Protein backbone atom coordinates (compact mmCIF):
# COMPACT_ATOMS: atom_id res chain seq x y z
CA MET A 1 10.14 -32.35 -22.12
CA SER A 2 10.27 -36.12 -22.10
CA THR A 3 7.71 -38.37 -24.18
CA PHE A 4 6.46 -39.57 -20.67
CA ASP A 5 5.55 -36.27 -19.70
CA THR A 6 4.02 -35.48 -22.96
CA LYS A 7 1.83 -38.64 -22.68
CA ILE A 8 0.73 -37.57 -19.20
CA ASN A 9 -0.16 -34.25 -20.35
CA ASP A 10 -1.97 -35.43 -23.35
CA ALA A 11 -4.09 -37.98 -21.00
CA LEU A 12 -4.74 -35.09 -18.51
CA GLY A 13 -5.54 -32.50 -21.17
CA ILE A 14 -2.83 -30.20 -20.24
CA THR A 15 -1.61 -27.75 -22.33
CA GLU A 16 1.38 -25.40 -22.39
CA ASN A 17 -0.67 -22.31 -21.76
CA ILE A 18 -1.98 -23.77 -18.69
CA LYS A 19 1.35 -24.78 -17.40
CA GLN A 20 2.59 -21.34 -18.06
CA GLU A 21 -0.22 -19.85 -16.18
CA ILE A 22 0.71 -21.82 -13.19
CA LEU A 23 4.33 -21.23 -13.38
CA ASP A 24 3.85 -17.42 -14.02
CA PRO A 25 0.55 -16.56 -12.23
CA LYS A 26 -0.83 -12.99 -12.90
CA PRO A 27 -1.24 -10.85 -9.84
CA LEU A 28 -4.81 -10.83 -8.40
CA VAL A 29 -5.16 -6.92 -8.55
CA PRO A 30 -3.39 -5.19 -11.35
CA ARG A 31 -1.36 -2.19 -10.55
CA PRO A 32 -3.40 0.94 -11.17
CA VAL A 33 -2.46 2.69 -14.49
CA GLY A 34 -3.39 6.36 -15.06
CA ASP A 35 -2.93 9.75 -13.99
CA TYR A 36 -2.56 9.09 -10.12
CA GLU A 37 -0.15 10.43 -7.54
CA ASP A 38 1.73 7.70 -5.77
CA ALA A 39 -0.50 8.02 -2.60
CA ASP A 40 -3.65 7.61 -4.56
CA ALA A 41 -2.20 4.83 -6.68
CA ASP A 42 -0.94 2.87 -3.72
CA TYR A 43 -4.35 3.64 -1.97
CA LYS A 44 -6.43 2.22 -4.52
CA TYR A 45 -4.01 -0.66 -5.06
CA SER A 46 -4.02 -1.44 -1.32
CA ARG A 47 -7.86 -1.10 -1.09
CA GLU A 48 -8.39 -3.60 -3.99
CA ASN A 49 -6.04 -6.14 -2.45
CA PHE A 50 -7.64 -5.82 0.93
CA TYR A 51 -11.26 -6.34 -0.75
CA ASN A 52 -9.78 -9.40 -2.48
CA LEU A 53 -8.33 -10.79 0.51
CA VAL A 54 -11.52 -10.26 2.57
CA GLU A 55 -13.70 -11.94 -0.21
CA ARG A 56 -11.13 -14.86 -0.39
CA GLY A 57 -11.13 -15.01 3.36
CA GLN A 58 -14.74 -15.25 3.61
CA ASP A 59 -14.79 -18.20 1.12
CA ALA A 60 -12.21 -19.86 3.17
CA VAL A 61 -14.11 -19.34 6.41
CA THR A 62 -17.23 -20.82 4.79
CA GLY A 63 -15.38 -23.86 3.58
CA ILE A 64 -13.54 -24.55 6.96
CA LEU A 65 -16.76 -24.12 8.78
CA GLU A 66 -18.46 -26.77 6.61
CA LEU A 67 -15.50 -29.03 7.12
CA ALA A 68 -15.61 -28.44 10.87
CA LYS A 69 -19.34 -29.31 10.96
CA GLU A 70 -18.59 -32.47 8.98
CA SER A 71 -15.49 -33.74 10.92
CA GLU A 72 -16.41 -32.32 14.36
CA HIS A 73 -12.70 -32.30 15.17
CA PRO A 74 -11.44 -29.64 17.60
CA ARG A 75 -8.53 -28.80 15.64
CA THR A 76 -10.70 -27.72 12.56
CA TYR A 77 -12.64 -25.36 14.75
CA GLU A 78 -9.47 -23.99 16.14
CA VAL A 79 -8.30 -23.28 12.45
CA ALA A 80 -11.68 -21.67 11.58
CA GLY A 81 -11.40 -19.37 14.77
CA GLN A 82 -8.05 -18.36 13.47
CA LEU A 83 -9.26 -17.77 9.97
CA ILE A 84 -12.13 -15.68 11.23
CA LYS A 85 -9.79 -13.55 13.23
CA THR A 86 -7.54 -13.13 10.37
CA VAL A 87 -10.26 -12.05 8.05
CA ALA A 88 -11.42 -9.52 10.60
CA GLU A 89 -7.79 -8.11 11.00
CA VAL A 90 -7.68 -7.39 7.19
CA ALA A 91 -11.27 -5.57 7.33
CA GLU A 92 -9.63 -3.67 10.15
CA LYS A 93 -6.65 -2.85 8.07
CA LEU A 94 -8.98 -1.74 5.40
CA ALA A 95 -10.83 0.62 7.79
CA ASP A 96 -7.39 1.99 8.96
CA LEU A 97 -6.25 2.48 5.49
CA GLN A 98 -9.43 4.58 4.73
CA GLU A 99 -8.70 6.58 8.11
CA LYS A 100 -4.92 7.31 6.98
CA MET A 101 -6.00 8.29 3.52
CA LYS A 102 -8.40 10.60 4.89
CA LYS A 103 -5.73 12.26 7.44
CA LEU A 104 -3.28 12.51 4.49
CA LYS A 105 -5.65 14.38 2.26
CA GLU A 106 -6.45 16.64 5.19
CA VAL A 107 -2.93 17.76 5.98
CA PRO A 108 -2.26 20.35 3.33
CA ASP A 109 -5.55 22.35 4.60
CA HIS A 110 -4.41 22.26 8.17
CA ALA A 111 -0.82 23.29 7.61
CA PRO A 112 0.39 26.55 8.99
CA LYS A 113 0.22 29.60 6.55
CA ASN A 114 3.15 31.62 8.03
CA VAL A 115 6.51 30.43 9.51
CA THR A 116 7.17 32.25 12.61
CA ASN A 117 10.31 30.55 13.86
CA ALA A 118 12.86 30.02 11.12
CA LEU A 119 15.85 27.89 11.99
CA PHE A 120 19.48 28.52 10.27
CA VAL A 121 21.40 25.28 9.99
CA GLY A 122 24.99 26.18 9.04
CA SER A 123 28.32 27.47 10.54
CA THR A 124 28.86 30.93 12.01
CA LYS A 125 30.83 31.91 9.03
CA GLU A 126 27.87 31.15 6.73
CA LEU A 127 25.55 32.99 8.99
CA GLN A 128 27.84 36.21 9.07
CA ALA A 129 28.14 36.08 5.25
CA LEU A 130 24.23 35.77 4.99
CA LEU A 131 23.96 38.63 7.34
CA ASN A 132 26.59 40.86 5.59
CA ASP A 133 24.83 40.22 2.29
CA LYS A 134 21.42 41.20 3.84
CA LYS A 135 23.00 44.40 5.30
CA THR A 136 24.76 45.11 1.95
CA HIS A 137 21.42 44.81 0.01
CA THR A 138 19.39 46.93 2.57
CA GLN A 139 22.00 49.82 2.19
CA ILE A 140 21.79 49.51 -1.67
CA GLU A 141 17.97 49.72 -1.50
CA ASN A 142 17.99 52.67 0.98
CA GLN A 143 20.52 54.61 -1.37
CA THR A 144 18.29 53.88 -4.31
CA GLN A 145 14.91 55.43 -2.61
CA GLU A 146 16.81 58.38 -1.66
């Protein structure tokens, strides 16, 4: 770093730590740590991020509406409307996430208990070998029972 940069940093009160935080920002929501399944961890992480986005969006909407009132410029109102729509979409995504997670948790309970139609994927030679093995095992079982 040059002496010029050092003098500016000293005058503004900028330290190395602050510059490093700006260059390497920490994520808003840390990845969940713990004994979670992937789906649960992703759900929790997504949910926290959506909450943060909605809260930041609400702050931005408040600010842009104040700016629109002050400037009374049509473009400012247009931007405010787009921002409100975006925040509403994020809130809707949060509701969709809840619904998807609920469906994901319900799937194991509604799965069929018995498989009635089994499908063999393979060649006819493999099928014949499988049937011959089964026939041989059945004959051996019948002989042991007699």
